[in-house]
N, C-alpha and C. Protein backbone atom coordinates (compact mmCIF):
# COMPACT_ATOMS: atom_id res chain seq x y z
N UNK A 1 190.92 249.47 236.26
CA UNK A 1 191.02 249.11 237.60
C UNK A 1 191.09 250.13 238.67
N UNK A 2 190.09 250.32 239.51
CA UNK A 2 190.42 251.37 240.14
C UNK A 2 191.35 251.37 241.74
N UNK A 3 191.69 252.06 242.64
CA UNK A 3 192.25 252.09 243.06
C UNK A 3 191.79 251.18 244.38
N UNK A 4 190.82 251.05 244.92
CA UNK A 4 190.04 249.88 245.64
C UNK A 4 190.27 248.57 245.31
N UNK A 5 190.11 248.45 244.10
CA UNK A 5 190.18 246.99 243.24
C UNK A 5 192.09 246.32 243.80
N UNK A 6 193.00 247.54 243.06
CA UNK A 6 194.42 247.30 243.86
C UNK A 6 194.45 247.20 244.57
N UNK A 7 194.15 248.00 245.94
CA UNK A 7 193.92 247.96 247.15
C UNK A 7 193.94 246.35 247.64
N UNK A 8 192.79 245.86 247.14
CA UNK A 8 192.06 244.68 247.72
C UNK A 8 192.79 243.53 246.91
N UNK A 9 193.22 243.45 245.32
CA UNK A 9 194.65 242.86 245.41
C UNK A 9 196.12 242.60 245.97
N UNK A 10 195.56 243.66 246.18
CA UNK A 10 197.31 243.69 247.28
C UNK A 10 196.89 242.98 248.58
N UNK A 11 196.06 243.36 249.30
CA UNK A 11 195.41 242.36 250.50
C UNK A 11 195.39 241.41 250.27
N UNK A 12 194.90 240.61 249.17
CA UNK A 12 195.12 238.92 248.54
C UNK A 12 196.59 238.74 248.77
N UNK A 13 197.32 239.16 248.18
CA UNK A 13 198.65 238.77 247.82
C UNK A 13 199.20 238.85 249.27
N UNK A 14 198.96 240.21 249.97
CA UNK A 14 199.53 239.86 251.25
C UNK A 14 199.12 238.69 252.16
N UNK A 15 197.64 238.71 252.24
CA UNK A 15 197.04 237.63 252.84
C UNK A 15 197.58 236.20 252.46
N UNK A 16 198.35 235.94 250.93
CA UNK A 16 198.51 234.91 250.70
C UNK A 16 200.04 234.75 251.24
N UNK A 17 200.85 235.61 250.99
CA UNK A 17 201.90 235.63 251.84
C UNK A 17 202.21 235.34 252.89
N UNK A 18 201.32 235.55 253.64
CA UNK A 18 201.25 235.59 255.06
C UNK A 18 201.17 233.94 255.55
N UNK A 19 199.29 233.27 254.64
CA UNK A 19 199.76 231.78 254.95
C UNK A 19 200.82 231.20 254.43
N UNK A 20 201.48 231.29 253.28
CA UNK A 20 202.48 230.44 252.97
C UNK A 20 203.61 230.42 253.77
N UNK A 21 204.74 231.87 254.88
CA UNK A 21 204.61 231.96 255.43
C UNK A 21 204.76 230.84 256.84
N UNK A 22 203.06 231.54 257.28
CA UNK A 22 203.04 230.66 258.63
C UNK A 22 203.03 228.78 257.77
N UNK A 23 202.77 228.28 257.07
CA UNK A 23 203.01 227.29 256.84
C UNK A 23 204.22 226.63 256.80
N UNK A 24 205.35 227.36 256.41
CA UNK A 24 206.47 226.86 256.25
C UNK A 24 206.75 227.18 257.58
N UNK A 25 207.09 228.23 258.24
CA UNK A 25 207.19 228.10 259.55
C UNK A 25 206.85 227.21 260.62
N UNK A 26 205.51 226.81 260.30
CA UNK A 26 204.99 225.33 261.19
C UNK A 26 205.76 224.39 260.75
N UNK A 27 206.26 223.54 259.51
CA UNK A 27 206.63 222.73 259.30
C UNK A 27 208.12 222.89 259.63
N UNK A 28 208.74 224.02 259.51
CA UNK A 28 210.15 224.25 260.05
C UNK A 28 209.98 223.95 261.59
N UNK A 29 209.08 224.56 262.54
CA UNK A 29 209.16 224.04 264.14
C UNK A 29 208.74 222.47 263.98
N UNK A 30 208.00 221.60 262.91
CA UNK A 30 207.40 220.68 263.22
C UNK A 30 208.91 219.80 263.50
N UNK A 31 209.63 220.09 262.09
CA UNK A 31 210.41 219.28 261.86
C UNK A 31 212.13 219.59 263.19
N UNK A 32 211.84 220.50 263.44
CA UNK A 32 212.79 220.68 264.41
C UNK A 32 212.44 219.99 265.88
N UNK A 33 210.87 220.02 266.02
CA UNK A 33 210.69 219.32 267.41
C UNK A 33 211.05 217.80 266.97
N UNK A 34 211.05 217.23 265.67
CA UNK A 34 210.93 216.17 265.68
C UNK A 34 212.33 215.13 265.61
N UNK A 35 213.20 216.61 265.40
CA UNK A 35 215.03 216.01 265.43
C UNK A 35 214.87 215.95 266.26
N UNK A 36 214.74 216.93 267.40
CA UNK A 36 215.49 217.14 268.62
C UNK A 36 214.27 215.71 269.98
N UNK A 37 213.43 215.57 269.30
CA UNK A 37 212.62 214.54 269.84
C UNK A 37 213.50 213.33 269.55
N UNK A 38 213.52 213.45 268.59
CA UNK A 38 214.25 211.79 268.00
C UNK A 38 215.73 211.44 268.73
N UNK A 39 216.45 212.64 269.18
CA UNK A 39 217.78 213.06 269.34
C UNK A 39 217.80 212.54 271.12
N UNK A 40 216.37 212.64 271.61
CA UNK A 40 216.42 212.36 273.08
C UNK A 40 215.96 210.78 273.34
N UNK A 41 215.38 210.65 271.50
CA UNK A 41 214.34 208.94 271.87
C UNK A 41 215.82 208.39 271.95
N UNK A 42 216.85 208.30 271.23
CA UNK A 42 218.08 207.59 270.74
C UNK A 42 218.74 207.62 272.26
N UNK A 43 219.08 208.46 272.94
CA UNK A 43 219.65 208.90 274.01
C UNK A 43 219.31 208.29 275.11
N UNK A 44 218.09 208.03 274.84
CA UNK A 44 216.90 207.17 276.01
C UNK A 44 217.28 205.29 275.94
N UNK A 45 216.79 205.44 275.05
CA UNK A 45 217.24 203.76 273.88
C UNK A 45 218.48 203.69 274.41
N UNK A 46 219.86 204.49 274.35
CA UNK A 46 221.42 204.21 275.07
C UNK A 46 220.99 203.46 276.33
N UNK A 47 220.57 204.29 277.27
CA UNK A 47 220.95 205.03 278.72
C UNK A 47 220.06 203.24 279.14
N UNK A 48 218.80 202.86 278.47
CA UNK A 48 218.16 202.04 278.62
C UNK A 48 218.55 200.54 278.49
N UNK A 49 219.41 200.22 277.61
CA UNK A 49 220.57 198.79 277.05
C UNK A 49 221.67 199.26 277.94
N UNK A 50 221.78 200.54 278.11
CA UNK A 50 223.38 200.31 279.46
C UNK A 50 222.55 199.51 281.09
N UNK A 51 221.59 200.53 280.94
CA UNK A 51 220.90 199.51 282.62
C UNK A 51 220.81 198.18 282.61
N UNK A 52 220.10 197.79 281.12
CA UNK A 52 219.61 196.24 281.15
C UNK A 52 220.93 194.97 280.93
N UNK A 53 221.60 195.66 280.17
CA UNK A 53 222.89 194.89 280.15
C UNK A 53 223.10 194.59 281.65
N UNK A 54 223.73 195.30 282.14
CA UNK A 54 224.33 195.85 283.43
C UNK A 54 223.82 195.06 284.45
N UNK A 55 222.19 195.07 284.38
CA UNK A 55 221.19 194.04 285.51
C UNK A 55 220.76 193.05 284.87
N UNK A 56 221.83 192.38 283.64
CA UNK A 56 221.14 190.76 283.18
C UNK A 56 222.22 190.16 282.68
N UNK A 57 223.67 191.12 282.49
CA UNK A 57 224.60 190.36 281.95
C UNK A 57 225.95 190.63 282.79
N UNK A 58 226.30 189.36 283.37
CA UNK A 58 227.52 188.84 284.55
C UNK A 58 228.54 187.69 283.47
N UNK A 59 228.30 187.42 282.46
CA UNK A 59 229.13 186.34 281.91
C UNK A 59 230.82 186.80 282.16
N UNK A 60 231.72 185.51 281.60
CA UNK A 60 232.59 186.00 282.02
C UNK A 60 233.45 186.57 280.26
N UNK A 61 232.67 187.45 279.49
CA UNK A 61 233.36 188.01 278.26
C UNK A 61 232.69 189.36 278.35
N UNK A 62 231.54 189.62 279.77
CA UNK A 62 231.21 190.90 280.06
C UNK A 62 232.07 191.89 280.88
N UNK A 63 232.04 193.30 280.58
CA UNK A 63 232.98 193.76 280.85
C UNK A 63 232.19 195.21 281.73
N UNK A 64 232.05 195.06 282.92
CA UNK A 64 231.13 195.91 284.03
C UNK A 64 231.55 196.85 283.94
N UNK A 65 232.84 197.07 283.70
CA UNK A 65 233.31 198.44 284.12
C UNK A 65 233.36 199.46 283.18
N UNK A 66 233.56 198.72 282.14
CA UNK A 66 233.05 199.08 280.38
C UNK A 66 231.89 199.81 280.71
N UNK A 67 230.64 199.04 281.09
CA UNK A 67 229.57 199.55 280.72
C UNK A 67 229.02 200.62 281.75
N UNK A 68 229.65 200.63 282.94
CA UNK A 68 229.55 201.55 283.81
C UNK A 68 230.21 202.79 283.49
N UNK A 69 231.21 202.87 282.57
CA UNK A 69 231.79 204.07 282.36
C UNK A 69 230.75 204.56 280.86
N UNK A 70 230.03 203.91 280.34
CA UNK A 70 229.14 204.32 279.53
C UNK A 70 228.07 204.54 279.83
N UNK A 71 227.33 203.70 280.87
CA UNK A 71 226.36 204.93 281.92
C UNK A 71 226.53 205.86 282.02
N UNK A 72 227.87 206.39 282.62
CA UNK A 72 228.11 207.56 283.24
C UNK A 72 228.44 208.16 282.30
N UNK A 73 229.51 208.37 281.01
CA UNK A 73 229.03 209.32 279.61
C UNK A 73 227.60 209.48 279.19
N UNK A 74 226.93 208.73 279.72
CA UNK A 74 225.41 208.97 278.98
C UNK A 74 224.63 209.99 280.19
N UNK A 75 225.03 209.84 281.38
CA UNK A 75 224.61 210.71 282.55
C UNK A 75 225.03 211.97 281.89
N UNK A 76 225.92 212.42 281.41
CA UNK A 76 226.90 213.73 281.16
C UNK A 76 226.19 214.35 279.83
N UNK A 77 225.89 213.35 279.24
CA UNK A 77 225.23 213.75 277.73
C UNK A 77 223.98 214.12 278.08
N UNK A 78 223.38 213.41 278.98
CA UNK A 78 222.10 213.74 279.51
C UNK A 78 221.82 215.06 280.02
N UNK A 79 222.69 215.70 280.52
CA UNK A 79 222.63 217.14 281.39
C UNK A 79 221.92 218.44 279.61
N UNK A 80 222.60 217.69 278.84
CA UNK A 80 222.10 218.55 277.79
C UNK A 80 220.39 218.45 277.51
N UNK A 81 219.74 217.65 277.95
CA UNK A 81 218.48 217.47 277.29
C UNK A 81 217.46 217.45 279.20
N UNK A 82 218.40 217.53 280.06
CA UNK A 82 217.53 218.17 281.09
C UNK A 82 218.61 218.09 282.24
N UNK A 83 218.77 219.64 282.28
CA UNK A 83 219.73 220.42 282.85
C UNK A 83 219.22 220.97 283.95
N UNK A 84 220.42 221.04 285.08
CA UNK A 84 220.37 221.54 286.35
C UNK A 84 219.35 222.39 286.88
N UNK A 85 218.78 222.16 288.14
CA UNK A 85 217.79 223.03 288.35
C UNK A 85 217.89 224.59 288.23
N UNK A 86 218.44 225.81 287.97
CA UNK A 86 219.32 227.03 288.33
C UNK A 86 219.30 227.41 289.68
N UNK A 87 220.48 227.63 290.02
CA UNK A 87 220.86 227.70 291.48
C UNK A 87 220.04 229.14 291.84
N UNK A 88 220.28 229.89 291.02
CA UNK A 88 219.35 231.30 291.41
C UNK A 88 217.80 230.82 292.32
N UNK A 89 217.48 229.88 291.66
CA UNK A 89 215.99 228.99 292.73
C UNK A 89 216.28 228.39 293.83
N UNK A 90 217.21 228.24 293.90
CA UNK A 90 217.71 227.67 295.00
C UNK A 90 218.65 227.95 295.57
N UNK A 91 218.63 229.09 295.90
CA UNK A 91 219.56 230.26 296.92
C UNK A 91 220.78 229.54 296.86
N UNK A 92 221.20 229.77 295.18
CA UNK A 92 222.89 229.88 294.60
C UNK A 92 223.48 228.57 294.90
N UNK A 93 222.30 227.14 295.87
CA UNK A 93 222.85 225.89 295.80
C UNK A 93 224.28 225.54 294.42
N UNK A 94 225.50 225.06 294.69
CA UNK A 94 226.02 224.32 293.52
C UNK A 94 227.01 225.91 292.77
N UNK A 95 226.73 227.26 293.56
CA UNK A 95 227.15 228.06 292.89
C UNK A 95 228.66 228.01 292.18
N UNK A 96 229.36 227.09 292.97
CA UNK A 96 231.30 227.54 293.11
C UNK A 96 231.39 226.40 292.08
N UNK A 97 230.25 225.10 291.67
CA UNK A 97 230.32 224.55 290.39
C UNK A 97 230.63 225.53 288.88
N UNK A 98 231.12 224.37 288.55
CA UNK A 98 230.89 224.82 286.66
C UNK A 98 229.38 224.74 286.56
N UNK A 99 229.51 225.26 285.49
CA UNK A 99 227.79 225.91 284.87
C UNK A 99 227.30 224.68 284.83
N UNK A 100 227.80 223.85 284.02
CA UNK A 100 226.66 222.07 284.20
C UNK A 100 226.18 222.08 285.39
N UNK A 101 226.82 221.73 286.41
CA UNK A 101 226.72 221.24 287.61
C UNK A 101 225.87 222.06 288.68
N UNK A 102 225.50 223.22 288.31
CA UNK A 102 224.95 223.95 288.90
C UNK A 102 223.81 223.97 289.34
N UNK A 103 223.64 223.91 290.56
CA UNK A 103 221.96 223.57 290.88
C UNK A 103 221.60 221.89 291.05
N UNK A 104 220.52 221.93 291.51
CA UNK A 104 219.73 220.31 291.33
C UNK A 104 219.54 219.80 290.32
N UNK A 105 220.46 218.47 289.91
CA UNK A 105 220.01 217.53 289.02
C UNK A 105 218.40 217.17 288.32
N UNK A 106 217.93 217.16 287.52
CA UNK A 106 216.63 216.28 287.42
C UNK A 106 216.66 215.48 287.44
N UNK A 107 215.76 214.84 288.00
CA UNK A 107 215.05 213.74 288.83
C UNK A 107 215.56 212.47 287.52
N UNK A 108 215.13 212.91 286.33
CA UNK A 108 215.81 211.68 285.16
C UNK A 108 217.08 211.22 285.16
N UNK A 109 217.81 212.38 285.85
CA UNK A 109 219.22 211.62 286.19
C UNK A 109 219.71 211.69 286.80
N UNK A 110 218.98 211.39 288.33
CA UNK A 110 218.98 211.18 289.70
C UNK A 110 218.87 209.70 289.44
N UNK A 111 218.00 209.42 288.32
CA UNK A 111 217.43 207.52 288.41
C UNK A 111 218.64 206.99 288.08
N UNK A 112 219.41 207.90 286.70
CA UNK A 112 220.47 207.18 286.39
C UNK A 112 221.71 206.96 286.97
N UNK A 113 222.23 208.14 288.02
CA UNK A 113 223.08 208.24 289.22
C UNK A 113 222.28 206.95 290.21
N UNK A 114 221.27 207.11 290.36
CA UNK A 114 221.44 206.03 291.58
C UNK A 114 220.91 204.86 291.15
N UNK A 115 220.87 204.51 289.72
CA UNK A 115 221.36 203.35 289.31
C UNK A 115 222.53 202.25 288.93
N UNK A 116 223.26 203.66 289.00
CA UNK A 116 224.82 203.35 288.39
C UNK A 116 225.85 203.20 289.66
N UNK A 117 224.74 203.68 290.85
CA UNK A 117 225.64 203.67 292.23
C UNK A 117 225.24 202.23 292.69
N UNK A 118 223.90 202.00 292.80
CA UNK A 118 223.43 200.46 293.13
C UNK A 118 223.99 199.49 291.90
N UNK A 119 224.41 199.44 290.95
CA UNK A 119 225.42 198.69 289.72
C UNK A 119 226.80 198.49 290.02
N UNK A 120 227.03 199.73 290.87
CA UNK A 120 229.08 199.60 291.13
C UNK A 120 229.27 198.76 292.39
N UNK A 121 227.87 198.10 293.13
CA UNK A 121 228.39 197.32 294.12
C UNK A 121 228.82 195.40 293.43
N UNK A 122 228.85 195.18 294.36
CA UNK A 122 229.26 193.82 294.25
C UNK A 122 228.30 192.79 294.46
N UNK A 123 227.25 193.38 295.40
CA UNK A 123 225.72 192.60 295.55
C UNK A 123 224.85 193.20 294.42
N UNK A 124 224.91 193.84 293.38
CA UNK A 124 223.70 194.58 292.86
C UNK A 124 222.65 193.98 292.12
N UNK A 125 223.56 192.58 292.08
CA UNK A 125 221.65 191.46 291.60
C UNK A 125 220.99 191.19 292.57
N UNK A 126 221.43 191.24 293.93
CA UNK A 126 219.96 191.55 294.70
C UNK A 126 219.59 192.35 294.65
N UNK A 127 219.75 193.57 294.15
CA UNK A 127 218.50 194.53 294.17
C UNK A 127 218.07 194.67 292.78
N UNK A 128 217.86 193.51 291.85
CA UNK A 128 217.13 193.93 290.70
C UNK A 128 215.78 194.33 290.79
N UNK A 129 215.11 194.15 291.89
CA UNK A 129 213.53 195.25 291.63
C UNK A 129 214.11 196.40 291.97
N UNK A 130 214.91 197.08 292.36
CA UNK A 130 215.14 198.50 292.98
C UNK A 130 215.23 198.70 291.73
N UNK A 131 216.57 198.29 290.67
CA UNK A 131 217.05 198.91 289.74
C UNK A 131 215.83 198.50 288.10
N UNK A 132 215.02 197.55 288.48
CA UNK A 132 213.96 197.83 287.95
C UNK A 132 213.01 198.67 287.76
N UNK A 133 212.69 199.62 289.24
CA UNK A 133 212.01 200.34 289.38
C UNK A 133 212.56 202.06 288.81
N UNK A 134 213.95 201.57 289.34
CA UNK A 134 214.70 203.03 288.78
C UNK A 134 214.15 203.20 287.14
N UNK A 135 214.58 202.04 286.03
CA UNK A 135 214.63 201.91 285.27
C UNK A 135 212.95 202.73 284.44
N UNK A 136 212.01 201.94 284.96
CA UNK A 136 210.14 202.53 284.59
C UNK A 136 210.18 204.12 284.96
N UNK A 137 211.01 204.69 286.05
CA UNK A 137 210.78 205.93 286.94
C UNK A 137 211.12 206.28 285.79
N UNK A 138 212.92 206.56 285.26
CA UNK A 138 213.87 207.12 284.32
C UNK A 138 213.12 206.86 282.61
N UNK A 139 211.94 206.18 282.38
CA UNK A 139 211.62 205.92 281.28
C UNK A 139 210.50 206.75 281.21
N UNK A 140 209.07 207.27 282.43
CA UNK A 140 208.27 207.33 282.79
C UNK A 140 208.83 209.24 282.67
N UNK A 141 209.70 209.35 283.29
CA UNK A 141 210.25 210.96 283.07
C UNK A 141 210.43 211.62 281.78
N UNK A 142 211.17 210.64 281.14
CA UNK A 142 211.12 211.21 279.52
C UNK A 142 210.05 210.92 278.57
N UNK A 143 209.60 209.92 278.93
CA UNK A 143 207.99 210.08 278.30
C UNK A 143 206.98 211.30 278.66
N UNK A 144 206.98 211.58 279.71
CA UNK A 144 206.41 212.78 280.30
C UNK A 144 207.11 214.44 279.57
N UNK A 145 208.28 214.20 279.36
CA UNK A 145 208.81 215.12 278.61
C UNK A 145 208.57 215.27 276.69
N UNK A 146 208.17 213.96 276.73
CA UNK A 146 207.97 213.48 275.38
C UNK A 146 206.39 214.01 274.56
N UNK A 147 205.74 213.57 275.79
CA UNK A 147 203.98 213.24 275.54
C UNK A 147 204.17 212.58 274.34
N UNK A 148 203.91 211.59 273.63
CA UNK A 148 203.55 210.74 272.63
C UNK A 148 202.92 211.18 272.07
N UNK A 149 201.62 211.47 273.22
CA UNK A 149 200.57 211.22 273.24
C UNK A 149 199.62 212.46 272.37
N UNK A 150 200.41 213.53 272.54
CA UNK A 150 200.22 214.43 272.21
C UNK A 150 200.91 214.86 270.76
N UNK A 151 202.17 214.38 270.90
CA UNK A 151 202.59 214.28 269.47
C UNK A 151 202.35 213.75 268.38
N UNK A 152 201.71 212.60 268.66
CA UNK A 152 201.03 211.91 267.77
C UNK A 152 199.82 212.60 267.09
N UNK A 153 199.18 213.34 268.31
CA UNK A 153 198.19 214.19 267.42
C UNK A 153 198.70 215.13 266.69
N UNK A 154 199.47 215.80 267.27
CA UNK A 154 200.39 217.29 266.61
C UNK A 154 200.64 216.58 264.85
N UNK A 155 200.96 215.13 265.20
CA UNK A 155 201.49 214.77 263.64
C UNK A 155 200.25 214.09 262.55
N UNK A 156 199.50 213.64 263.36
CA UNK A 156 198.11 213.82 262.41
C UNK A 156 197.84 214.97 261.97
N UNK A 157 198.06 215.79 262.81
CA UNK A 157 197.43 217.21 261.88
C UNK A 157 198.43 217.83 261.04
N UNK A 158 199.55 217.68 261.13
CA UNK A 158 200.17 218.48 260.44
C UNK A 158 200.08 217.37 259.13
N UNK A 159 200.39 215.89 259.37
CA UNK A 159 200.91 215.02 258.45
C UNK A 159 200.11 214.07 257.96
N UNK A 160 199.19 214.17 258.36
CA UNK A 160 197.47 213.02 258.27
C UNK A 160 198.00 211.83 258.19
N UNK A 161 199.33 211.31 259.14
CA UNK A 161 199.60 209.95 259.33
C UNK A 161 199.33 210.09 260.72
N UNK A 162 198.45 208.92 261.00
CA UNK A 162 197.83 208.89 262.35
C UNK A 162 198.62 207.81 263.35
N UNK A 163 198.65 208.25 264.53
CA UNK A 163 199.02 206.73 265.66
C UNK A 163 198.29 207.26 266.65
N UNK A 164 197.25 208.14 266.42
CA UNK A 164 196.52 207.76 267.40
C UNK A 164 195.25 206.85 268.11
N UNK A 165 195.57 205.66 266.87
CA UNK A 165 194.27 204.63 267.24
C UNK A 165 194.96 203.51 268.14
N UNK A 166 194.80 203.60 269.53
CA UNK A 166 195.55 203.23 270.14
C UNK A 166 194.61 201.73 270.34
N UNK A 167 195.25 200.69 270.70
CA UNK A 167 194.36 199.09 270.38
C UNK A 167 195.13 198.10 271.19
N UNK A 168 194.65 197.70 272.29
CA UNK A 168 195.44 196.83 273.66
C UNK A 168 194.76 195.50 273.03
N UNK A 169 195.74 194.58 273.40
CA UNK A 169 195.34 193.33 273.62
C UNK A 169 194.41 192.55 274.08
N UNK A 170 193.82 193.31 275.10
CA UNK A 170 192.49 193.57 275.49
C UNK A 170 191.48 193.59 274.59
N UNK A 171 191.61 194.22 273.92
CA UNK A 171 190.10 195.32 273.03
C UNK A 171 190.05 194.44 271.56
N UNK A 172 191.13 193.24 271.82
CA UNK A 172 191.05 192.45 271.15
C UNK A 172 190.64 190.73 271.55
N UNK A 173 191.03 190.33 272.08
CA UNK A 173 190.40 189.16 273.11
C UNK A 173 189.01 189.22 273.86
N UNK A 174 189.00 190.54 274.27
CA UNK A 174 187.48 190.40 274.26
C UNK A 174 185.96 190.87 273.44
N UNK A 175 186.47 190.78 272.26
CA UNK A 175 186.00 190.64 271.01
C UNK A 175 185.66 189.13 270.91
N UNK A 176 186.81 188.49 270.45
CA UNK A 176 186.74 187.49 270.70
C UNK A 176 188.15 186.39 270.47
N UNK A 177 187.92 185.65 271.46
CA UNK A 177 189.54 185.14 271.68
C UNK A 177 190.63 184.84 270.50
N UNK A 178 189.70 184.04 269.83
CA UNK A 178 190.45 183.49 268.28
C UNK A 178 190.78 184.38 267.39
N UNK A 179 190.43 185.81 267.78
CA UNK A 179 190.79 187.24 266.76
C UNK A 179 192.15 187.41 267.08
N UNK A 180 193.13 186.53 267.88
CA UNK A 180 194.56 186.82 267.96
C UNK A 180 195.79 186.92 266.87
N UNK A 181 195.34 185.61 266.22
CA UNK A 181 195.84 185.05 264.93
C UNK A 181 195.45 186.03 264.12
N UNK A 182 194.11 186.24 263.42
CA UNK A 182 194.04 187.04 262.42
C UNK A 182 194.20 188.54 262.59
N UNK A 183 194.24 189.02 263.83
CA UNK A 183 194.80 190.74 264.18
C UNK A 183 196.34 190.27 263.67
N UNK A 184 196.93 189.82 264.01
CA UNK A 184 198.29 189.96 263.84
C UNK A 184 198.53 189.62 263.09
N UNK A 185 197.78 189.12 261.88
CA UNK A 185 198.09 188.94 260.51
C UNK A 185 197.70 190.15 259.78
N UNK A 186 196.87 190.81 260.02
CA UNK A 186 196.00 191.82 259.70
C UNK A 186 196.87 193.14 259.67
N UNK A 187 197.42 193.10 260.97
CA UNK A 187 198.20 194.22 261.77
C UNK A 187 199.71 194.22 260.48
N UNK A 188 200.00 193.24 260.29
CA UNK A 188 201.23 193.19 259.57
C UNK A 188 200.72 193.53 257.92
N UNK A 189 200.02 193.00 257.40
CA UNK A 189 199.40 193.44 255.96
C UNK A 189 199.19 194.53 255.83
N UNK A 190 197.97 195.11 256.72
CA UNK A 190 196.97 196.24 256.26
C UNK A 190 196.79 197.35 257.40
N UNK A 191 197.61 197.21 258.34
CA UNK A 191 197.80 197.89 259.88
C UNK A 191 196.39 198.26 260.00
N UNK A 192 195.12 197.23 259.52
CA UNK A 192 194.00 197.21 260.11
C UNK A 192 193.35 196.12 261.00
N UNK A 193 193.30 196.22 262.24
CA UNK A 193 193.09 195.04 263.21
C UNK A 193 191.83 194.26 262.12
N UNK A 194 191.83 193.20 263.13
CA UNK A 194 190.83 192.31 262.36
C UNK A 194 189.82 191.76 263.69
N UNK A 195 188.33 192.75 263.47
CA UNK A 195 187.50 192.20 264.63
C UNK A 195 187.04 191.32 265.42
N UNK A 196 186.56 189.98 264.41
CA UNK A 196 185.79 188.64 264.37
C UNK A 196 186.60 188.02 263.85
N UNK A 197 186.06 186.67 263.82
CA UNK A 197 187.02 185.37 262.91
C UNK A 197 185.14 184.67 262.62
N UNK A 198 185.27 184.59 261.41
CA UNK A 198 184.58 183.69 260.63
C UNK A 198 184.63 182.19 261.19
N UNK A 199 183.54 181.35 261.30
CA UNK A 199 183.60 180.05 262.25
C UNK A 199 183.26 178.90 260.57
């Protein structure tokens, strides 16, 4: 083998190593992203559970103060996912406060704080419409951050697992109103929706 052959061989090895490193790095990045995403989703779920319980439960066994305290602690935990806007951008707003509280709160946490304030009132059930609205805005803010549509596309590229085939109930009923039962059965068994029903 000549010098040029050895150089070509070495180049191929270097290129192969670069490809392997790229794949491993990409996989590691995807794992970290999915892990962080799962943490936020779990936190979101806990927040929504507390909001729903506080909005719907008022029996004798229900401790409103306990659930308000849990919601308050979830707001504090949320500061790690939705940190305050830095005070440098806001002319030093809140710079006298502790690090986590300097600047302005992210709107996701504002939705929770406003909900907490309403739920702390005696007549909170009269504001059910506002509480529902705040809950929907909160979910939408988390949705925008996590961008599930983009995430599903990324998952399809990296794992060959697809969640991008979004089907609505209107899609099924517009083809055949009798197809709903067949669709549900097919979805449970094969994840392939039934399109029509033979009569």
